[in-house]
Amino acid sequence: MKKLVVLLLLVIFTKSVYGQEDPKQLPINFSYFGETLIHPGLEIGYENNFYKWFNYTASIGTYVHQRHHSGLFLNAGLNWRYTFSIGYSLEFGIGLGYLHTWQHGGKTYTVDDYGNVSEKTVFGHPSFMPTVKIGILGWDLRKKTDIPMRINIDAIAFGQLPYNNYFMPHFALKAGATYYFNLPAGGR
């Protein structure tokens, strides 16, 4: 876990090399994150181009699967994005992250080797979270307008490992916008 936190901090604070964006801008993404499309959540993230069509990202998000569980995640990823001259873009990405889920509902019980039942305190379930993203619709408004924003709709497949000693696949729809905040001279 400590290595993941250090990696996320390095990704966030690393300066751009060969970036496509103006080095005086900070791209921050705000998105709706719908686990299995209909279970609402939010994600906020950072991205940074490092070579032509490649960028890396770091994000934090949450979702609520009603009457089942809530999830909180940290994720870092590597993306390939090609933007056409009109602003439309295609994207593919992979990522690794940490997902922590909490069950909704009643109490949890455990049975010991002698058949005694007792209430169990559960602090949630930590999981490894591999991610695959396909950017099905992206539009960079900076290509044809002066608006420093990119809008996106992404299909996300992510896993939860372990889940009852198995791998649990999840699917999500991410719809949001990346705003390119202007920084003062010498920023970032």
C-alpha atoms as a PDB file:
ATOM      1  CA  MET A   1       0.000   0.000   0.000  1.00  0.00           C
ATOM      2  CA  LYS A   2       2.819   2.415   0.834  1.00  0.00           C
ATOM      3  CA  LYS A   3       4.385   1.773  -2.574  1.00  0.00           C
ATOM      4  CA  LEU A   4       1.075   2.602  -4.292  1.00  0.00           C
ATOM      5  CA  VAL A   5       0.758   5.899  -2.399  1.00  0.00           C
ATOM      6  CA  VAL A   6       4.357   6.846  -3.268  1.00  0.00           C
ATOM      7  CA  LEU A   7       3.731   5.952  -6.926  1.00  0.00           C
ATOM      8  CA  LEU A   8       0.573   8.096  -7.032  1.00  0.00           C
ATOM      9  CA  LEU A   9       2.406  11.055  -5.490  1.00  0.00           C
ATOM     10  CA  LEU A  10       5.259  10.723  -7.992  1.00  0.00           C
ATOM     11  CA  VAL A  11       2.798  10.600 -10.877  1.00  0.00           C
ATOM     12  CA  ILE A  12       0.939  13.684  -9.672  1.00  0.00           C
ATOM     13  CA  PHE A  13       3.995  15.831  -9.057  1.00  0.00           C
ATOM     14  CA  THR A  14       6.175  14.783 -12.008  1.00  0.00           C
ATOM     15  CA  LYS A  15       6.789  17.495 -14.571  1.00  0.00           C
ATOM     16  CA  SER A  16       5.723  16.997 -18.159  1.00  0.00           C
ATOM     17  CA  VAL A  17       8.305  15.851 -20.724  1.00  0.00           C
ATOM     18  CA  TYR A  18       7.436  16.271 -24.409  1.00  0.00           C
ATOM     19  CA  GLY A  19       3.925  17.332 -23.379  1.00  0.00           C
ATOM     20  CA  GLN A  20       1.311  18.463 -25.853  1.00  0.00           C
ATOM     21  CA  GLU A  21      -0.401  20.834 -23.467  1.00  0.00           C
ATOM     22  CA  ASP A  22       0.804  24.275 -22.562  1.00  0.00           C
ATOM     23  CA  PRO A  23       3.149  23.747 -19.586  1.00  0.00           C
ATOM     24  CA  LYS A  24       1.267  26.532 -17.778  1.00  0.00           C
ATOM     25  CA  GLN A  25      -1.917  24.466 -17.515  1.00  0.00           C
ATOM     26  CA  LEU A  26      -3.051  21.925 -14.927  1.00  0.00           C
ATOM     27  CA  PRO A  27      -5.528  19.360 -16.370  1.00  0.00           C
ATOM     28  CA  ILE A  28      -8.064  18.161 -13.784  1.00  0.00           C
ATOM     29  CA  ASN A  29     -10.848  15.705 -14.693  1.00  0.00           C
ATOM     30  CA  PHE A  30     -14.263  15.732 -12.965  1.00  0.00           C
ATOM     31  CA  SER A  31     -16.510  12.778 -13.873  1.00  0.00           C
ATOM     32  CA  TYR A  32     -19.656  10.870 -13.130  1.00  0.00           C
ATOM     33  CA  PHE A  33     -18.560   7.282 -12.418  1.00  0.00           C
ATOM     34  CA  GLY A  34     -21.507   4.916 -12.804  1.00  0.00           C
ATOM     35  CA  GLU A  35     -20.609   1.404 -11.610  1.00  0.00           C
ATOM     36  CA  THR A  36     -22.673  -1.007 -13.749  1.00  0.00           C
ATOM     37  CA  LEU A  37     -23.912   2.193 -15.371  1.00  0.00           C
ATOM     38  CA  ILE A  38     -26.656   2.988 -12.856  1.00  0.00           C
ATOM     39  CA  HIS A  39     -24.911   3.022  -9.468  1.00  0.00           C
ATOM     40  CA  PRO A  40     -23.822   6.636  -9.018  1.00  0.00           C
ATOM     41  CA  GLY A  41     -20.356   7.810  -8.169  1.00  0.00           C
ATOM     42  CA  LEU A  42     -17.825  10.567  -8.713  1.00  0.00           C
ATOM     43  CA  GLU A  43     -14.207  10.599  -9.788  1.00  0.00           C
ATOM     44  CA  ILE A  44     -11.650  13.392  -9.789  1.00  0.00           C
ATOM     45  CA  GLY A  45      -8.301  12.962 -11.450  1.00  0.00           C
ATOM     46  CA  TYR A  46      -5.167  14.461 -12.880  1.00  0.00           C
ATOM     47  CA  GLU A  47      -3.522  13.736 -16.211  1.00  0.00           C
ATOM     48  CA  ASN A  48      -0.190  14.635 -17.734  1.00  0.00           C
ATOM     49  CA  ASN A  49       1.091  14.025 -21.269  1.00  0.00           C
ATOM     50  CA  PHE A  50       4.588  12.619 -21.406  1.00  0.00           C
ATOM     51  CA  TYR A  51       5.125  11.674 -25.057  1.00  0.00           C
ATOM     52  CA  LYS A  52       3.026  12.575 -28.109  1.00  0.00           C
ATOM     53  CA  TRP A  53      -0.198  10.567 -27.682  1.00  0.00           C
ATOM     54  CA  PHE A  54       0.569   9.063 -24.273  1.00  0.00           C
ATOM     55  CA  ASN A  55      -0.460  10.355 -20.861  1.00  0.00           C
ATOM     56  CA  TYR A  56      -0.555   9.096 -17.323  1.00  0.00           C
ATOM     57  CA  THR A  57      -3.348   9.654 -14.865  1.00  0.00           C
ATOM     58  CA  ALA A  58      -4.040   9.517 -11.160  1.00  0.00           C
ATOM     59  CA  SER A  59      -7.528   9.624  -9.695  1.00  0.00           C
ATOM     60  CA  ILE A  60      -9.656   9.109  -6.637  1.00  0.00           C
ATOM     61  CA  GLY A  61     -13.299   8.165  -6.763  1.00  0.00           C
ATOM     62  CA  THR A  62     -16.275   6.617  -5.087  1.00  0.00           C
ATOM     63  CA  TYR A  63     -19.547   4.938  -5.984  1.00  0.00           C
ATOM     64  CA  VAL A  64     -22.602   3.589  -4.161  1.00  0.00           C
ATOM     65  CA  HIS A  65     -24.189   0.289  -5.190  1.00  0.00           C
ATOM     66  CA  GLN A  66     -27.537   0.695  -3.404  1.00  0.00           C
ATOM     67  CA  ARG A  67     -28.458  -1.999  -0.855  1.00  0.00           C
ATOM     68  CA  HIS A  68     -25.178  -3.813  -1.517  1.00  0.00           C
ATOM     69  CA  HIS A  69     -21.902  -1.913  -1.026  1.00  0.00           C
ATOM     70  CA  SER A  70     -20.017   1.369  -1.369  1.00  0.00           C
ATOM     71  CA  GLY A  71     -16.599   1.665  -2.952  1.00  0.00           C
ATOM     72  CA  LEU A  72     -13.705   4.099  -2.611  1.00  0.00           C
ATOM     73  CA  PHE A  73     -10.774   3.798  -5.009  1.00  0.00           C
ATOM     74  CA  LEU A  74      -7.382   5.222  -5.908  1.00  0.00           C
ATOM     75  CA  ASN A  75      -6.166   4.531  -9.415  1.00  0.00           C
ATOM     76  CA  ALA A  76      -3.133   5.288 -11.603  1.00  0.00           C
ATOM     77  CA  GLY A  77      -3.084   4.596 -15.313  1.00  0.00           C
ATOM     78  CA  LEU A  78      -1.312   4.877 -18.618  1.00  0.00           C
ATOM     79  CA  ASN A  79      -3.361   6.001 -21.646  1.00  0.00           C
ATOM     80  CA  TRP A  80      -2.979   6.283 -25.382  1.00  0.00           C
ATOM     81  CA  ARG A  81      -5.068   9.111 -26.867  1.00  0.00           C
ATOM     82  CA  TYR A  82      -5.192  10.231 -30.475  1.00  0.00           C
ATOM     83  CA  THR A  83      -6.933  13.541 -31.130  1.00  0.00           C
ATOM     84  CA  PHE A  84      -8.009  14.384 -34.672  1.00  0.00           C
ATOM     85  CA  SER A  85      -7.681  17.947 -35.998  1.00  0.00           C
ATOM     86  CA  ILE A  86     -11.408  18.594 -35.465  1.00  0.00           C
ATOM     87  CA  GLY A  87     -11.082  17.738 -31.762  1.00  0.00           C
ATOM     88  CA  TYR A  88     -12.579  14.221 -31.689  1.00  0.00           C
ATOM     89  CA  SER A  89     -10.376  11.713 -29.847  1.00  0.00           C
ATOM     90  CA  LEU A  90     -10.012   7.978 -29.384  1.00  0.00           C
ATOM     91  CA  GLU A  91      -8.482   6.582 -26.213  1.00  0.00           C
ATOM     92  CA  PHE A  92      -7.360   3.319 -24.643  1.00  0.00           C
ATOM     93  CA  GLY A  93      -5.897   2.930 -21.176  1.00  0.00           C
ATOM     94  CA  ILE A  94      -4.823   0.464 -18.518  1.00  0.00           C
ATOM     95  CA  GLY A  95      -4.431   1.093 -14.820  1.00  0.00           C
ATOM     96  CA  LEU A  96      -3.732  -0.336 -11.407  1.00  0.00           C
ATOM     97  CA  GLY A  97      -5.386   0.750  -8.238  1.00  0.00           C
ATOM     98  CA  TYR A  98      -6.727   0.100  -4.776  1.00  0.00           C
ATOM     99  CA  LEU A  99     -10.452  -0.442  -4.122  1.00  0.00           C
ATOM    100  CA  HIS A 100     -11.961  -0.510  -0.644  1.00  0.00           C
ATOM    101  CA  THR A 101     -15.582  -1.607  -0.299  1.00  0.00           C
ATOM    102  CA  TRP A 102     -18.044  -1.555   2.601  1.00  0.00           C
ATOM    103  CA  GLN A 103     -21.164  -3.703   2.722  1.00  0.00           C
ATOM    104  CA  HIS A 104     -24.545  -2.102   3.345  1.00  0.00           C
ATOM    105  CA  GLY A 105     -27.118  -3.638   5.586  1.00  0.00           C
ATOM    106  CA  GLY A 106     -27.131  -5.709   8.728  1.00  0.00           C
ATOM    107  CA  LYS A 107     -24.547  -7.073  11.050  1.00  0.00           C
ATOM    108  CA  THR A 108     -21.836  -9.553  10.123  1.00  0.00           C
ATOM    109  CA  TYR A 109     -21.353 -12.756  12.100  1.00  0.00           C
ATOM    110  CA  THR A 110     -18.626 -15.381  12.297  1.00  0.00           C
ATOM    111  CA  VAL A 111     -18.631 -18.999  13.455  1.00  0.00           C
ATOM    112  CA  ASP A 112     -15.586 -20.413  15.260  1.00  0.00           C
ATOM    113  CA  ASP A 113     -14.324 -24.018  15.172  1.00  0.00           C
ATOM    114  CA  TYR A 114     -16.627 -24.985  18.070  1.00  0.00           C
ATOM    115  CA  GLY A 115     -19.817 -23.703  16.421  1.00  0.00           C
ATOM    116  CA  ASN A 116     -20.049 -20.518  18.500  1.00  0.00           C
ATOM    117  CA  VAL A 117     -21.574 -17.586  16.648  1.00  0.00           C
ATOM    118  CA  SER A 118     -20.376 -14.066  17.407  1.00  0.00           C
ATOM    119  CA  GLU A 119     -20.771 -10.635  15.863  1.00  0.00           C
ATOM    120  CA  LYS A 120     -17.797  -9.539  13.778  1.00  0.00           C
ATOM    121  CA  THR A 121     -16.566  -5.993  13.312  1.00  0.00           C
ATOM    122  CA  VAL A 122     -15.845  -5.410   9.622  1.00  0.00           C
ATOM    123  CA  PHE A 123     -13.724  -2.482   8.488  1.00  0.00           C
ATOM    124  CA  GLY A 124     -14.451  -3.095   4.839  1.00  0.00           C
ATOM    125  CA  HIS A 125     -12.729  -5.149   2.197  1.00  0.00           C
ATOM    126  CA  PRO A 126      -9.428  -4.037   0.626  1.00  0.00           C
ATOM    127  CA  SER A 127      -8.898  -5.116  -2.989  1.00  0.00           C
ATOM    128  CA  PHE A 128      -6.496  -4.846  -5.883  1.00  0.00           C
ATOM    129  CA  MET A 129      -8.163  -2.977  -8.794  1.00  0.00           C
ATOM    130  CA  PRO A 130      -6.841  -3.598 -12.337  1.00  0.00           C
ATOM    131  CA  THR A 131      -8.555  -1.336 -14.894  1.00  0.00           C
ATOM    132  CA  VAL A 132      -9.085  -1.215 -18.665  1.00  0.00           C
ATOM    133  CA  LYS A 133     -10.572   1.913 -20.255  1.00  0.00           C
ATOM    134  CA  ILE A 134     -11.870   2.539 -23.764  1.00  0.00           C
ATOM    135  CA  GLY A 135     -12.587   6.175 -24.589  1.00  0.00           C
ATOM    136  CA  ILE A 136     -15.695   5.835 -26.718  1.00  0.00           C
ATOM    137  CA  LEU A 137     -16.273   9.565 -27.109  1.00  0.00           C
ATOM    138  CA  GLY A 138     -13.818  12.358 -26.487  1.00  0.00           C
ATOM    139  CA  TRP A 139     -13.893  15.927 -27.693  1.00  0.00           C
ATOM    140  CA  ASP A 140     -11.104  18.446 -27.136  1.00  0.00           C
ATOM    141  CA  LEU A 141     -12.730  21.868 -27.269  1.00  0.00           C
ATOM    142  CA  ARG A 142      -9.313  23.553 -27.423  1.00  0.00           C
ATOM    143  CA  LYS A 143      -8.900  22.437 -31.051  1.00  0.00           C
ATOM    144  CA  LYS A 144     -11.649  24.673 -32.484  1.00  0.00           C
ATOM    145  CA  THR A 145     -12.529  27.064 -29.643  1.00  0.00           C
ATOM    146  CA  ASP A 146     -10.836  29.005 -26.865  1.00  0.00           C
ATOM    147  CA  ILE A 147     -12.498  26.845 -24.202  1.00  0.00           C
ATOM    148  CA  PRO A 148      -9.755  25.053 -22.193  1.00  0.00           C
ATOM    149  CA  MET A 149     -11.740  21.842 -21.767  1.00  0.00           C
ATOM    150  CA  ARG A 150     -12.017  18.281 -23.032  1.00  0.00           C
ATOM    151  CA  ILE A 151     -15.212  16.230 -22.608  1.00  0.00           C
ATOM    152  CA  ASN A 152     -15.206  12.445 -22.488  1.00  0.00           C
ATOM    153  CA  ILE A 153     -17.336   9.311 -22.186  1.00  0.00           C
ATOM    154  CA  ASP A 154     -15.371   6.179 -21.322  1.00  0.00           C
ATOM    155  CA  ALA A 155     -16.306   2.524 -20.905  1.00  0.00           C
ATOM    156  CA  ILE A 156     -14.460   1.068 -17.913  1.00  0.00           C
ATOM    157  CA  ALA A 157     -13.890  -2.558 -16.931  1.00  0.00           C
ATOM    158  CA  PHE A 158     -12.280  -3.070 -13.548  1.00  0.00           C
ATOM    159  CA  GLY A 159     -11.659  -5.981 -11.291  1.00  0.00           C
ATOM    160  CA  GLN A 160     -11.881  -6.584  -7.576  1.00  0.00           C
ATOM    161  CA  LEU A 161      -9.326  -9.089  -6.336  1.00  0.00           C
ATOM    162  CA  PRO A 162      -9.809 -10.884  -4.027  1.00  0.00           C
ATOM    163  CA  TYR A 163     -13.587 -11.139  -3.794  1.00  0.00           C
ATOM    164  CA  ASN A 164     -14.567 -14.251  -1.801  1.00  0.00           C
ATOM    165  CA  ASN A 165     -11.221 -15.726  -2.938  1.00  0.00           C
ATOM    166  CA  TYR A 166     -12.097 -15.034  -6.591  1.00  0.00           C
ATOM    167  CA  PHE A 167     -11.867 -12.232  -9.157  1.00  0.00           C
ATOM    168  CA  MET A 168     -15.016 -10.058  -9.391  1.00  0.00           C
ATOM    169  CA  PRO A 169     -15.423  -8.083 -12.648  1.00  0.00           C
ATOM    170  CA  HIS A 170     -17.166  -4.703 -12.584  1.00  0.00           C
ATOM    171  CA  PHE A 171     -18.204  -2.420 -15.415  1.00  0.00           C
ATOM    172  CA  ALA A 172     -18.659   1.339 -15.308  1.00  0.00           C
ATOM    173  CA  LEU A 173     -19.472   4.332 -17.460  1.00  0.00           C
ATOM    174  CA  LYS A 174     -17.404   7.434 -16.887  1.00  0.00           C
ATOM    175  CA  ALA A 175     -18.704  10.724 -18.296  1.00  0.00           C
ATOM    176  CA  GLY A 176     -17.024  14.000 -17.514  1.00  0.00           C
ATOM    177  CA  ALA A 177     -14.772  16.835 -18.499  1.00  0.00           C
ATOM    178  CA  THR A 178     -11.132  17.745 -18.120  1.00  0.00           C
ATOM    179  CA  TYR A 179     -10.596  21.412 -17.448  1.00  0.00           C
ATOM    180  CA  TYR A 180      -7.159  22.885 -18.136  1.00  0.00           C
ATOM    181  CA  PHE A 181      -6.585  25.382 -15.330  1.00  0.00           C
ATOM    182  CA  ASN A 182      -4.133  28.153 -16.123  1.00  0.00           C
ATOM    183  CA  LEU A 183      -1.200  28.369 -13.726  1.00  0.00           C
ATOM    184  CA  PRO A 184       0.895  31.445 -13.023  1.00  0.00           C
ATOM    185  CA  ALA A 185       4.212  31.704 -14.861  1.00  0.00           C
ATOM    186  CA  GLY A 186       6.697  29.210 -13.465  1.00  0.00           C
ATOM    187  CA  GLY A 187       3.905  26.855 -12.279  1.00  0.00           C
ATOM    188  CA  ARG A 188       3.903  23.084 -12.482  1.00  0.00           C
END
